[in-house]
Amino acid sequence: MQIWTDLDQVADGPRAVVTIGNFDGMHMGHKRVVGACVERASRQGLRSVACTFDPHPRKVHDPDSGMELINPLRDRLDAMAATGLDATLVIHYDQSVYTLSAEEFVRRYLVQALHAAEVVVGEDFRFGRDSSGDVNTLRELGRQLDFDVVMVTDIEAPEGRRWSSSWVRDLLADGDVTGAARVLGHLHRIRGTVEHGHKRGRTLGFPTANLATGIEGVIPADGVYAGWLVRRVPGTEANEFLPAAISVGTNPQFGGTVRTVEAHVLGRSDLDLYGEQVAVTFVARIRGMEKFDSVDALLARMDDDLRKTAAVLGVGVSSRVDPDSVTAGTGGASARC
């Protein structure tokens, strides 16, 4: 999939079937709309193009809302590419965009830049200054400017709720990463750079990769999760998925105050990930965050967490590692892998 971040980058080509949206999280409802765009373009021999916005319009118009993007832009684009789109235009959302009238927006982006033959949108699509345009506005402009409009109706989950980004955020706030994955159609993940922590985990036999600042994506509720730590294999373009028990919270056992994400890769003491950008993918919640009567009680529960994590991920059971074998930050020969 080609990615354009400026109108000057848009490649000449045939007319296009275009879809437009924020696509935060690229959940099942988004995939239905984008999939319709791809299918209709393929059937007509046209190219399929999506338009999305960065930053998210709500973060521009209501910066104090505290809204977090479900995933960073790179993950959104990865999910969009997986649908088979030919290209995505990332529109930098600022005053030059949100002050455009509905007609000005359509002429500049859909007609002049992308040569739209069809535009595919969802039922709740709004556009133009003060969100003045809707599907009916788009249809009227299509009649004037020679493109058709296809509206994809909303789909609902079996329980009757509409697939939506807000639903995903609600599920993550409850720690229901399994439910969030069902709405998304893929596992939820966050990204960040591995930082130095208090290094308590390594002394207990549970060395962790710590993410604390600059985390991209919505962090689920405090608790322990089964999932994967995903990192780029040094010197390659390949990714490796490492089975991990993931702790989210402030570490109440030791009086912590900073909320962190700590991923312990099962059975590994030789990883030195400091400074690396990694992704943490959540598969299932093992338990909520607890404070135990003693460190021994904590260790017993963490041993159980490792067994449950291995069972969820379908990998071999691993026990605590020997603290003396941990090489992270030591400069040892096996420190990078």
C-alpha atoms as a PDB file:
ATOM      1  CA  MET A   1       0.000   0.000   0.000  1.00  0.00           C
ATOM      2  CA  GLN A   2       1.282   3.440  -0.912  1.00  0.00           C
ATOM      3  CA  ILE A   3       1.156   6.056   1.838  1.00  0.00           C
ATOM      4  CA  TRP A   4       0.803   9.704   0.870  1.00  0.00           C
ATOM      5  CA  THR A   5       1.188  12.471   3.441  1.00  0.00           C
ATOM      6  CA  ASP A   6       0.862  15.405   1.042  1.00  0.00           C
ATOM      7  CA  LEU A   7      -1.256  16.070  -2.029  1.00  0.00           C
ATOM      8  CA  ASP A   8       1.917  16.545  -4.067  1.00  0.00           C
ATOM      9  CA  GLN A   9       2.765  12.881  -3.428  1.00  0.00           C
ATOM     10  CA  VAL A  10      -0.474  11.534  -4.872  1.00  0.00           C
ATOM     11  CA  ALA A  11       0.461   9.451  -7.881  1.00  0.00           C
ATOM     12  CA  ASP A  12      -1.278   9.872 -11.198  1.00  0.00           C
ATOM     13  CA  GLY A  13      -3.446   6.933 -12.040  1.00  0.00           C
ATOM     14  CA  PRO A  14      -6.940   5.757 -12.900  1.00  0.00           C
ATOM     15  CA  ARG A  15     -10.022   7.048 -11.160  1.00  0.00           C
ATOM     16  CA  ALA A  16     -10.473   5.727  -7.661  1.00  0.00           C
ATOM     17  CA  VAL A  17     -12.970   4.348  -5.237  1.00  0.00           C
ATOM     18  CA  VAL A  18     -12.322   6.396  -2.098  1.00  0.00           C
ATOM     19  CA  THR A  19     -13.286   5.957   1.538  1.00  0.00           C
ATOM     20  CA  ILE A  20     -12.819   8.501   4.330  1.00  0.00           C
ATOM     21  CA  GLY A  21     -12.597   8.180   8.090  1.00  0.00           C
ATOM     22  CA  ASN A  22     -10.529   8.450  11.255  1.00  0.00           C
ATOM     23  CA  PHE A  23     -10.381   4.633  11.477  1.00  0.00           C
ATOM     24  CA  ASP A  24      -9.074   4.731  15.056  1.00  0.00           C
ATOM     25  CA  GLY A  25      -8.335   1.122  15.950  1.00  0.00           C
ATOM     26  CA  MET A  26      -9.549  -0.154  12.569  1.00  0.00           C
ATOM     27  CA  HIS A  27     -12.316  -2.154  14.243  1.00  0.00           C
ATOM     28  CA  MET A  28     -14.805  -4.464  12.518  1.00  0.00           C
ATOM     29  CA  GLY A  29     -17.079  -1.581  11.467  1.00  0.00           C
ATOM     30  CA  HIS A  30     -14.146   0.218   9.839  1.00  0.00           C
ATOM     31  CA  LYS A  31     -13.078  -2.973   8.096  1.00  0.00           C
ATOM     32  CA  ARG A  32     -16.558  -3.369   6.637  1.00  0.00           C
ATOM     33  CA  VAL A  33     -16.392   0.119   5.110  1.00  0.00           C
ATOM     34  CA  VAL A  34     -12.800  -0.148   3.865  1.00  0.00           C
ATOM     35  CA  GLY A  35     -13.439  -3.672   2.601  1.00  0.00           C
ATOM     36  CA  ALA A  36     -16.369  -2.413   0.529  1.00  0.00           C
ATOM     37  CA  CYS A  37     -14.095   0.239  -0.993  1.00  0.00           C
ATOM     38  CA  VAL A  38     -11.474  -2.366  -1.922  1.00  0.00           C
ATOM     39  CA  GLU A  39     -14.028  -4.815  -3.335  1.00  0.00           C
ATOM     40  CA  ARG A  40     -15.818  -2.205  -5.451  1.00  0.00           C
ATOM     41  CA  ALA A  41     -12.533  -0.847  -6.817  1.00  0.00           C
ATOM     42  CA  SER A  42     -11.335  -4.331  -7.751  1.00  0.00           C
ATOM     43  CA  ARG A  43     -14.597  -5.139  -9.526  1.00  0.00           C
ATOM     44  CA  GLN A  44     -14.369  -1.969 -11.639  1.00  0.00           C
ATOM     45  CA  GLY A  45     -10.628  -2.008 -12.349  1.00  0.00           C
ATOM     46  CA  LEU A  46     -10.097   1.178 -10.333  1.00  0.00           C
ATOM     47  CA  ARG A  47      -7.649   1.887  -7.529  1.00  0.00           C
ATOM     48  CA  SER A  48      -8.823   1.830  -3.907  1.00  0.00           C
ATOM     49  CA  VAL A  49      -7.797   4.774  -1.747  1.00  0.00           C
ATOM     50  CA  ALA A  50      -8.541   5.710   1.850  1.00  0.00           C
ATOM     51  CA  CYS A  51      -8.307   9.162   3.405  1.00  0.00           C
ATOM     52  CA  THR A  52      -7.572   9.393   7.108  1.00  0.00           C
ATOM     53  CA  PHE A  53      -6.568  12.202   9.447  1.00  0.00           C
ATOM     54  CA  ASP A  54      -3.605  12.856  11.707  1.00  0.00           C
ATOM     55  CA  PRO A  55      -3.877  14.138  14.369  1.00  0.00           C
ATOM     56  CA  HIS A  56      -7.344  12.866  15.243  1.00  0.00           C
ATOM     57  CA  PRO A  57      -9.876  15.728  14.846  1.00  0.00           C
ATOM     58  CA  ARG A  58     -11.103  15.363  18.422  1.00  0.00           C
ATOM     59  CA  LYS A  59      -7.594  15.915  19.779  1.00  0.00           C
ATOM     60  CA  VAL A  60      -7.478  19.175  17.788  1.00  0.00           C
ATOM     61  CA  HIS A  61     -10.934  20.489  18.665  1.00  0.00           C
ATOM     62  CA  ASP A  62     -11.050  19.202  22.259  1.00  0.00           C
ATOM     63  CA  PRO A  63      -7.438  18.776  23.425  1.00  0.00           C
ATOM     64  CA  ASP A  64      -8.474  18.607  27.090  1.00  0.00           C
ATOM     65  CA  SER A  65     -10.791  15.645  26.550  1.00  0.00           C
ATOM     66  CA  GLY A  66      -8.077  13.168  27.492  1.00  0.00           C
ATOM     67  CA  MET A  67      -9.026  10.939  24.593  1.00  0.00           C
ATOM     68  CA  GLU A  68      -6.268   8.486  23.689  1.00  0.00           C
ATOM     69  CA  LEU A  69      -5.913   6.907  20.292  1.00  0.00           C
ATOM     70  CA  ILE A  70      -6.463   3.162  20.452  1.00  0.00           C
ATOM     71  CA  ASN A  71      -3.340   2.682  18.356  1.00  0.00           C
ATOM     72  CA  PRO A  72      -0.658   4.953  16.907  1.00  0.00           C
ATOM     73  CA  LEU A  73      -0.837   5.950  13.248  1.00  0.00           C
ATOM     74  CA  ARG A  74       1.663   3.302  12.130  1.00  0.00           C
ATOM     75  CA  ASP A  75      -0.559   0.511  13.496  1.00  0.00           C
ATOM     76  CA  ARG A  76      -3.637   2.066  11.925  1.00  0.00           C
ATOM     77  CA  LEU A  77      -1.872   2.112   8.556  1.00  0.00           C
ATOM     78  CA  ASP A  78      -0.712  -1.494   8.986  1.00  0.00           C
ATOM     79  CA  ALA A  79      -4.302  -2.578   9.599  1.00  0.00           C
ATOM     80  CA  MET A  80      -5.520  -0.570   6.617  1.00  0.00           C
ATOM     81  CA  ALA A  81      -2.862  -2.096   4.370  1.00  0.00           C
ATOM     82  CA  ALA A  82      -4.040  -5.560   5.418  1.00  0.00           C
ATOM     83  CA  THR A  83      -7.439  -4.884   3.801  1.00  0.00           C
ATOM     84  CA  GLY A  84      -5.831  -4.690   0.346  1.00  0.00           C
ATOM     85  CA  LEU A  85      -6.032  -0.930  -0.174  1.00  0.00           C
ATOM     86  CA  ASP A  86      -3.877   0.435  -2.970  1.00  0.00           C
ATOM     87  CA  ALA A  87      -3.106   3.690  -1.160  1.00  0.00           C
ATOM     88  CA  THR A  88      -3.916   5.828   1.860  1.00  0.00           C
ATOM     89  CA  LEU A  89      -3.753   9.608   1.985  1.00  0.00           C
ATOM     90  CA  VAL A  90      -2.939  10.834   5.508  1.00  0.00           C
ATOM     91  CA  ILE A  91      -4.380  14.339   5.748  1.00  0.00           C
ATOM     92  CA  HIS A  92      -2.683  16.569   8.310  1.00  0.00           C
ATOM     93  CA  TYR A  93      -5.657  17.849  10.284  1.00  0.00           C
ATOM     94  CA  ASP A  94      -5.297  21.537  11.074  1.00  0.00           C
ATOM     95  CA  GLN A  95      -7.068  24.827  10.426  1.00  0.00           C
ATOM     96  CA  SER A  96      -6.430  24.607   6.693  1.00  0.00           C
ATOM     97  CA  VAL A  97      -8.583  21.461   6.658  1.00  0.00           C
ATOM     98  CA  TYR A  98     -11.287  22.043   9.259  1.00  0.00           C
ATOM     99  CA  THR A  99     -12.180  25.487   7.901  1.00  0.00           C
ATOM    100  CA  LEU A 100     -12.989  24.076   4.459  1.00  0.00           C
ATOM    101  CA  SER A 101     -16.653  23.971   3.543  1.00  0.00           C
ATOM    102  CA  ALA A 102     -18.086  20.574   2.631  1.00  0.00           C
ATOM    103  CA  GLU A 103     -17.888  21.441  -1.060  1.00  0.00           C
ATOM    104  CA  GLU A 104     -14.333  22.786  -0.809  1.00  0.00           C
ATOM    105  CA  PHE A 105     -13.198  19.606   0.930  1.00  0.00           C
ATOM    106  CA  VAL A 106     -14.774  17.386  -1.714  1.00  0.00           C
ATOM    107  CA  ARG A 107     -13.360  19.375  -4.605  1.00  0.00           C
ATOM    108  CA  ARG A 108      -9.814  19.561  -3.195  1.00  0.00           C
ATOM    109  CA  TYR A 109      -9.368  16.010  -1.917  1.00  0.00           C
ATOM    110  CA  LEU A 110     -11.879  13.732  -3.590  1.00  0.00           C
ATOM    111  CA  VAL A 111     -12.192  15.268  -7.054  1.00  0.00           C
ATOM    112  CA  GLN A 112      -9.005  17.164  -7.896  1.00  0.00           C
ATOM    113  CA  ALA A 113      -6.497  14.999  -5.973  1.00  0.00           C
ATOM    114  CA  LEU A 114      -7.959  11.494  -6.027  1.00  0.00           C
ATOM    115  CA  HIS A 115     -10.266  11.592  -9.080  1.00  0.00           C
ATOM    116  CA  ALA A 116     -13.010   9.761  -7.226  1.00  0.00           C
ATOM    117  CA  ALA A 117     -15.436   7.707  -9.264  1.00  0.00           C
ATOM    118  CA  GLU A 118     -17.130   6.440  -6.100  1.00  0.00           C
ATOM    119  CA  VAL A 119     -16.968   7.424  -2.446  1.00  0.00           C
ATOM    120  CA  VAL A 120     -17.732   4.778   0.195  1.00  0.00           C
ATOM    121  CA  VAL A 121     -18.689   5.970   3.694  1.00  0.00           C
ATOM    122  CA  GLY A 122     -20.506   4.803   6.818  1.00  0.00           C
ATOM    123  CA  GLU A 123     -23.899   5.959   8.001  1.00  0.00           C
ATOM    124  CA  ASP A 124     -22.551   8.508  10.482  1.00  0.00           C
ATOM    125  CA  PHE A 125     -20.102  10.168   8.088  1.00  0.00           C
ATOM    126  CA  ARG A 126     -19.727  13.930   8.636  1.00  0.00           C
ATOM    127  CA  PHE A 127     -17.355  16.346   6.923  1.00  0.00           C
ATOM    128  CA  GLY A 128     -16.672  19.992   6.166  1.00  0.00           C
ATOM    129  CA  ARG A 129     -16.545  23.050   8.395  1.00  0.00           C
ATOM    130  CA  ASP A 130     -18.427  22.462  11.687  1.00  0.00           C
ATOM    131  CA  SER A 131     -19.279  18.951  10.408  1.00  0.00           C
ATOM    132  CA  SER A 132     -21.914  20.556   8.218  1.00  0.00           C
ATOM    133  CA  GLY A 133     -21.854  17.836   5.553  1.00  0.00           C
ATOM    134  CA  ASP A 134     -23.428  14.380   5.802  1.00  0.00           C
ATOM    135  CA  VAL A 135     -24.163  11.512   3.417  1.00  0.00           C
ATOM    136  CA  ASN A 136     -26.971  13.430   1.716  1.00  0.00           C
ATOM    137  CA  THR A 137     -24.644  16.415   1.187  1.00  0.00           C
ATOM    138  CA  LEU A 138     -22.067  14.082  -0.309  1.00  0.00           C
ATOM    139  CA  ARG A 139     -24.623  12.562  -2.671  1.00  0.00           C
ATOM    140  CA  GLU A 140     -25.686  15.978  -3.907  1.00  0.00           C
ATOM    141  CA  LEU A 141     -22.049  16.966  -4.519  1.00  0.00           C
ATOM    142  CA  GLY A 142     -21.521  13.656  -6.278  1.00  0.00           C
ATOM    143  CA  ARG A 143     -24.316  14.444  -8.724  1.00  0.00           C
ATOM    144  CA  GLN A 144     -22.699  17.800  -9.453  1.00  0.00           C
ATOM    145  CA  LEU A 145     -19.090  16.577  -9.661  1.00  0.00           C
ATOM    146  CA  ASP A 146     -19.516  13.172 -11.301  1.00  0.00           C
ATOM    147  CA  PHE A 147     -18.992  10.556  -8.615  1.00  0.00           C
ATOM    148  CA  ASP A 148     -21.304   8.037  -6.973  1.00  0.00           C
ATOM    149  CA  VAL A 149     -21.775   7.600  -3.239  1.00  0.00           C
ATOM    150  CA  VAL A 150     -22.108   4.235  -1.521  1.00  0.00           C
ATOM    151  CA  MET A 151     -23.250   4.179   2.102  1.00  0.00           C
ATOM    152  CA  VAL A 152     -22.317   1.121   4.147  1.00  0.00           C
ATOM    153  CA  THR A 153     -24.863   0.466   6.877  1.00  0.00           C
ATOM    154  CA  ASP A 154     -23.724  -0.019  10.460  1.00  0.00           C
ATOM    155  CA  ILE A 155     -23.225  -3.543  11.706  1.00  0.00           C
ATOM    156  CA  GLU A 156     -23.950  -4.676  15.224  1.00  0.00           C
ATOM    157  CA  ALA A 157     -22.513  -7.332  17.463  1.00  0.00           C
ATOM    158  CA  PRO A 158     -24.823 -10.189  18.504  1.00  0.00           C
ATOM    159  CA  GLU A 159     -25.624  -8.325  21.733  1.00  0.00           C
ATOM    160  CA  GLY A 160     -26.955  -5.433  19.654  1.00  0.00           C
ATOM    161  CA  ARG A 161     -24.222  -2.851  20.205  1.00  0.00           C
ATOM    162  CA  ARG A 162     -22.742  -0.990  17.254  1.00  0.00           C
ATOM    163  CA  TRP A 163     -19.082  -1.684  16.562  1.00  0.00           C
ATOM    164  CA  SER A 164     -17.229   1.497  17.540  1.00  0.00           C
ATOM    165  CA  SER A 165     -13.947   2.908  18.786  1.00  0.00           C
ATOM    166  CA  SER A 166     -15.651   4.063  22.004  1.00  0.00           C
ATOM    167  CA  TRP A 167     -16.742   0.485  22.701  1.00  0.00           C
ATOM    168  CA  VAL A 168     -13.125  -0.669  22.328  1.00  0.00           C
ATOM    169  CA  ARG A 169     -12.000   1.997  24.812  1.00  0.00           C
ATOM    170  CA  ASP A 170     -14.701   0.918  27.277  1.00  0.00           C
ATOM    171  CA  LEU A 171     -13.580  -2.709  27.068  1.00  0.00           C
ATOM    172  CA  LEU A 172      -9.917  -1.814  27.546  1.00  0.00           C
ATOM    173  CA  ALA A 173     -10.820   0.362  30.539  1.00  0.00           C
ATOM    174  CA  ASP A 174     -12.398  -2.772  32.057  1.00  0.00           C
ATOM    175  CA  GLY A 175      -9.349  -4.898  31.214  1.00  0.00           C
ATOM    176  CA  ASP A 176     -11.386  -6.996  28.783  1.00  0.00           C
ATOM    177  CA  VAL A 177      -8.707  -7.322  26.112  1.00  0.00           C
ATOM    178  CA  THR A 178     -10.391 -10.460  24.737  1.00  0.00           C
ATOM    179  CA  GLY A 179     -13.601  -8.531  24.142  1.00  0.00           C
ATOM    180  CA  ALA A 180     -11.654  -5.638  22.642  1.00  0.00           C
ATOM    181  CA  ALA A 181      -9.986  -8.048  20.224  1.00  0.00           C
ATOM    182  CA  ARG A 182     -13.415  -9.309  19.134  1.00  0.00           C
ATOM    183  CA  VAL A 183     -14.592  -5.775  18.340  1.00  0.00           C
ATOM    184  CA  LEU A 184     -11.302  -4.832  16.697  1.00  0.00           C
ATOM    185  CA  GLY A 185     -10.939  -8.047  14.727  1.00  0.00           C
ATOM    186  CA  HIS A 186      -7.307  -8.234  15.892  1.00  0.00           C
ATOM    187  CA  LEU A 187      -5.339  -8.197  19.127  1.00  0.00           C
ATOM    188  CA  HIS A 188      -4.838  -4.855  20.833  1.00  0.00           C
ATOM    189  CA  ARG A 189      -1.282  -3.586  21.138  1.00  0.00           C
ATOM    190  CA  ILE A 190       0.634  -0.631  22.475  1.00  0.00           C
ATOM    191  CA  ARG A 191       4.123   0.646  21.635  1.00  0.00           C
ATOM    192  CA  GLY A 192       6.924   2.208  23.628  1.00  0.00           C
ATOM    193  CA  THR A 193      10.635   2.338  24.340  1.00  0.00           C
ATOM    194  CA  VAL A 194      12.095  -0.001  26.965  1.00  0.00           C
ATOM    195  CA  GLU A 195      13.341   1.971  29.957  1.00  0.00           C
ATOM    196  CA  HIS A 196      15.318   1.244  33.105  1.00  0.00           C
ATOM    197  CA  GLY A 197      13.139   0.493  36.110  1.00  0.00           C
ATOM    198  CA  HIS A 198      13.825  -0.359  39.741  1.00  0.00           C
ATOM    199  CA  LYS A 199      15.179  -3.786  38.649  1.00  0.00           C
ATOM    200  CA  ARG A 200      13.216  -5.578  41.396  1.00  0.00           C
ATOM    201  CA  GLY A 201      11.923  -8.107  38.882  1.00  0.00           C
ATOM    202  CA  ARG A 202      15.356  -9.455  38.018  1.00  0.00           C
ATOM    203  CA  THR A 203      16.189 -10.085  41.698  1.00  0.00           C
ATOM    204  CA  LEU A 204      12.941 -12.061  42.015  1.00  0.00           C
ATOM    205  CA  GLY A 205      13.545 -14.137  38.862  1.00  0.00           C
ATOM    206  CA  PHE A 206      11.128 -12.134  36.705  1.00  0.00           C
ATOM    207  CA  PRO A 207      13.197  -9.654  34.649  1.00  0.00           C
ATOM    208  CA  THR A 208      10.915  -7.329  32.697  1.00  0.00           C
ATOM    209  CA  ALA A 209      10.981  -4.925  29.792  1.00  0.00           C
ATOM    210  CA  ASN A 210       9.555  -1.714  31.270  1.00  0.00           C
ATOM    211  CA  LEU A 211       7.460   0.862  29.405  1.00  0.00           C
ATOM    212  CA  ALA A 212       6.540   3.947  31.387  1.00  0.00           C
ATOM    213  CA  THR A 213       6.737   7.181  29.369  1.00  0.00           C
ATOM    214  CA  GLY A 214       5.793   7.947  25.787  1.00  0.00           C
ATOM    215  CA  ILE A 215       3.565   4.877  25.439  1.00  0.00           C
ATOM    216  CA  GLU A 216       1.462   4.947  22.264  1.00  0.00           C
ATOM    217  CA  GLY A 217      -1.977   3.386  22.436  1.00  0.00           C
ATOM    218  CA  VAL A 218      -4.618   2.813  25.103  1.00  0.00           C
ATOM    219  CA  ILE A 219      -3.230   0.945  28.113  1.00  0.00           C
ATOM    220  CA  PRO A 220      -5.719  -1.606  29.506  1.00  0.00           C
ATOM    221  CA  ALA A 221      -6.869  -1.616  33.129  1.00  0.00           C
ATOM    222  CA  ASP A 222      -4.368  -2.559  35.822  1.00  0.00           C
ATOM    223  CA  GLY A 223      -3.741  -6.264  36.059  1.00  0.00           C
ATOM    224  CA  VAL A 224      -1.721  -9.171  34.712  1.00  0.00           C
ATOM    225  CA  TYR A 225      -2.136 -10.272  31.097  1.00  0.00           C
ATOM    226  CA  ALA A 226      -0.931 -12.966  28.735  1.00  0.00           C
ATOM    227  CA  GLY A 227       0.445 -11.579  25.505  1.00  0.00           C
ATOM    228  CA  TRP A 228       3.422 -11.057  23.262  1.00  0.00           C
ATOM    229  CA  LEU A 229       6.380  -8.705  23.299  1.00  0.00           C
ATOM    230  CA  VAL A 230       7.119  -7.872  19.664  1.00  0.00           C
ATOM    231  CA  ARG A 231      10.511  -6.536  18.664  1.00  0.00           C
ATOM    232  CA  ARG A 232      12.485  -6.041  15.483  1.00  0.00           C
ATOM    233  CA  VAL A 233      15.250  -8.620  15.049  1.00  0.00           C
ATOM    234  CA  PRO A 234      18.448  -6.523  15.063  1.00  0.00           C
ATOM    235  CA  GLY A 235      19.913  -6.045  11.585  1.00  0.00           C
ATOM    236  CA  THR A 236      16.792  -7.325   9.798  1.00  0.00           C
ATOM    237  CA  GLU A 237      13.310  -6.256   8.754  1.00  0.00           C
ATOM    238  CA  ALA A 238      11.790  -9.234  10.584  1.00  0.00           C
ATOM    239  CA  ASN A 239       9.761  -9.146  13.804  1.00  0.00           C
ATOM    240  CA  GLU A 240       9.832 -11.760  16.509  1.00  0.00           C
ATOM    241  CA  PHE A 241       6.974 -12.488  18.889  1.00  0.00           C
ATOM    242  CA  LEU A 242       8.105 -13.400  22.396  1.00  0.00           C
ATOM    243  CA  PRO A 243       5.557 -14.954  24.809  1.00  0.00           C
ATOM    244  CA  ALA A 244       5.160 -12.697  27.817  1.00  0.00           C
ATOM    245  CA  ALA A 245       3.381 -12.232  31.134  1.00  0.00           C
ATOM    246  CA  ILE A 246       2.496  -8.544  31.228  1.00  0.00           C
ATOM    247  CA  SER A 247       1.884  -6.499  34.363  1.00  0.00           C
ATOM    248  CA  VAL A 248       0.046  -3.163  34.129  1.00  0.00           C
ATOM    249  CA  GLY A 249      -0.133  -0.881  37.147  1.00  0.00           C
ATOM    250  CA  THR A 250       1.750   1.037  39.824  1.00  0.00           C
ATOM    251  CA  ASN A 251       3.283  -2.007  41.580  1.00  0.00           C
ATOM    252  CA  PRO A 252       1.373  -1.611  44.877  1.00  0.00           C
ATOM    253  CA  GLN A 253       3.418  -4.393  46.526  1.00  0.00           C
ATOM    254  CA  PHE A 254       6.384  -2.023  46.681  1.00  0.00           C
ATOM    255  CA  GLY A 255       4.538   1.267  47.106  1.00  0.00           C
ATOM    256  CA  GLY A 256       4.870   2.345  43.488  1.00  0.00           C
ATOM    257  CA  THR A 257       3.183   5.493  42.196  1.00  0.00           C
ATOM    258  CA  VAL A 258       4.026   5.512  38.481  1.00  0.00           C
ATOM    259  CA  ARG A 259       1.822   3.431  36.202  1.00  0.00           C
ATOM    260  CA  THR A 260       3.970   1.188  34.011  1.00  0.00           C
ATOM    261  CA  VAL A 261       3.691  -1.737  31.619  1.00  0.00           C
ATOM    262  CA  GLU A 262       6.183  -4.504  32.444  1.00  0.00           C
ATOM    263  CA  ALA A 263       6.560  -7.530  30.164  1.00  0.00           C
ATOM    264  CA  HIS A 264       8.382 -10.640  31.371  1.00  0.00           C
ATOM    265  CA  VAL A 265       9.378 -12.857  28.433  1.00  0.00           C
ATOM    266  CA  LEU A 266       8.808 -16.432  29.536  1.00  0.00           C
ATOM    267  CA  GLY A 267      11.990 -18.315  30.327  1.00  0.00           C
ATOM    268  CA  ARG A 268      14.380 -15.646  29.015  1.00  0.00           C
ATOM    269  CA  SER A 269      17.188 -14.095  31.032  1.00  0.00           C
ATOM    270  CA  ASP A 270      19.426 -13.135  28.106  1.00  0.00           C
ATOM    271  CA  LEU A 271      17.419 -10.258  26.615  1.00  0.00           C
ATOM    272  CA  ASP A 272      18.776  -6.716  26.817  1.00  0.00           C
ATOM    273  CA  LEU A 273      16.073  -4.496  25.312  1.00  0.00           C
ATOM    274  CA  TYR A 274      16.965  -1.151  26.892  1.00  0.00           C
ATOM    275  CA  GLY A 275      16.383   1.648  24.409  1.00  0.00           C
ATOM    276  CA  GLU A 276      14.546  -0.558  21.919  1.00  0.00           C
ATOM    277  CA  GLN A 277      11.130   0.357  20.567  1.00  0.00           C
ATOM    278  CA  VAL A 278       8.844  -2.603  21.103  1.00  0.00           C
ATOM    279  CA  ALA A 279       5.165  -3.457  20.881  1.00  0.00           C
ATOM    280  CA  VAL A 280       3.203  -5.252  23.588  1.00  0.00           C
ATOM    281  CA  THR A 281       0.199  -7.246  22.371  1.00  0.00           C
ATOM    282  CA  PHE A 282      -2.541  -8.305  24.803  1.00  0.00           C
ATOM    283  CA  VAL A 283      -4.252 -11.679  24.428  1.00  0.00           C
ATOM    284  CA  ALA A 284      -6.128 -12.314  27.698  1.00  0.00           C
ATOM    285  CA  ARG A 285      -6.389 -10.994  31.248  1.00  0.00           C
ATOM    286  CA  ILE A 286      -5.045 -13.364  33.884  1.00  0.00           C
ATOM    287  CA  ARG A 287      -6.084 -11.398  36.994  1.00  0.00           C
ATOM    288  CA  GLY A 288      -6.468  -7.956  38.481  1.00  0.00           C
ATOM    289  CA  MET A 289      -3.701  -6.097  40.289  1.00  0.00           C
ATOM    290  CA  GLU A 290      -3.277  -7.160  43.911  1.00  0.00           C
ATOM    291  CA  LYS A 291      -1.157  -6.408  46.971  1.00  0.00           C
ATOM    292  CA  PHE A 292      -0.096  -9.536  48.846  1.00  0.00           C
ATOM    293  CA  ASP A 293       0.681 -10.141  52.528  1.00  0.00           C
ATOM    294  CA  SER A 294       4.283 -11.068  51.758  1.00  0.00           C
ATOM    295  CA  VAL A 295       6.806 -11.253  48.922  1.00  0.00           C
ATOM    296  CA  ASP A 296       6.597 -15.060  49.129  1.00  0.00           C
ATOM    297  CA  ALA A 297       2.846 -14.874  48.497  1.00  0.00           C
ATOM    298  CA  LEU A 298       3.492 -12.558  45.567  1.00  0.00           C
ATOM    299  CA  LEU A 299       6.049 -14.977  44.103  1.00  0.00           C
ATOM    300  CA  ALA A 300       3.651 -17.900  44.432  1.00  0.00           C
ATOM    301  CA  ARG A 301       0.991 -15.966  42.536  1.00  0.00           C
ATOM    302  CA  MET A 302       3.504 -14.889  39.872  1.00  0.00           C
ATOM    303  CA  ASP A 303       4.502 -18.548  39.383  1.00  0.00           C
ATOM    304  CA  ASP A 304       0.827 -19.274  38.784  1.00  0.00           C
ATOM    305  CA  ASP A 305       0.652 -16.303  36.385  1.00  0.00           C
ATOM    306  CA  LEU A 306       3.459 -17.858  34.319  1.00  0.00           C
ATOM    307  CA  ARG A 307       1.630 -21.186  34.095  1.00  0.00           C
ATOM    308  CA  LYS A 308      -1.636 -19.540  33.072  1.00  0.00           C
ATOM    309  CA  THR A 309       0.123 -17.303  30.545  1.00  0.00           C
ATOM    310  CA  ALA A 310       1.796 -20.309  28.914  1.00  0.00           C
ATOM    311  CA  ALA A 311      -1.557 -22.105  28.725  1.00  0.00           C
ATOM    312  CA  VAL A 312      -3.281 -19.104  27.102  1.00  0.00           C
ATOM    313  CA  LEU A 313      -0.504 -18.625  24.548  1.00  0.00           C
ATOM    314  CA  GLY A 314      -0.031 -22.312  23.819  1.00  0.00           C
ATOM    315  CA  VAL A 315       3.683 -22.379  24.675  1.00  0.00           C
ATOM    316  CA  GLY A 316       5.760 -24.454  27.050  1.00  0.00           C
ATOM    317  CA  VAL A 317       5.541 -23.653  30.743  1.00  0.00           C
ATOM    318  CA  SER A 318       8.504 -21.669  32.067  1.00  0.00           C
ATOM    319  CA  SER A 319       9.485 -21.023  35.659  1.00  0.00           C
ATOM    320  CA  ARG A 320      11.344 -18.101  37.175  1.00  0.00           C
ATOM    321  CA  VAL A 321      14.827 -17.507  35.818  1.00  0.00           C
ATOM    322  CA  ASP A 322      18.041 -17.544  37.830  1.00  0.00           C
ATOM    323  CA  PRO A 323      18.674 -13.896  38.845  1.00  0.00           C
ATOM    324  CA  ASP A 324      22.413 -14.414  38.335  1.00  0.00           C
ATOM    325  CA  SER A 325      21.799 -15.314  34.677  1.00  0.00           C
ATOM    326  CA  VAL A 326      20.137 -11.990  33.783  1.00  0.00           C
ATOM    327  CA  THR A 327      22.367 -10.125  31.344  1.00  0.00           C
ATOM    328  CA  ALA A 328      20.352  -6.951  30.638  1.00  0.00           C
ATOM    329  CA  GLY A 329      22.478  -3.872  31.232  1.00  0.00           C
ATOM    330  CA  THR A 330      25.627  -5.886  31.997  1.00  0.00           C
ATOM    331  CA  GLY A 331      27.243  -5.642  28.540  1.00  0.00           C
ATOM    332  CA  GLY A 332      27.608  -9.431  28.464  1.00  0.00           C
ATOM    333  CA  ALA A 333      28.211 -11.271  25.214  1.00  0.00           C
ATOM    334  CA  SER A 334      24.654 -12.540  25.113  1.00  0.00           C
ATOM    335  CA  ALA A 335      23.104  -9.232  26.058  1.00  0.00           C
ATOM    336  CA  ARG A 336      21.654  -8.603  22.593  1.00  0.00           C
ATOM    337  CA  CYS A 337      19.616 -11.230  20.830  1.00  0.00           C
END
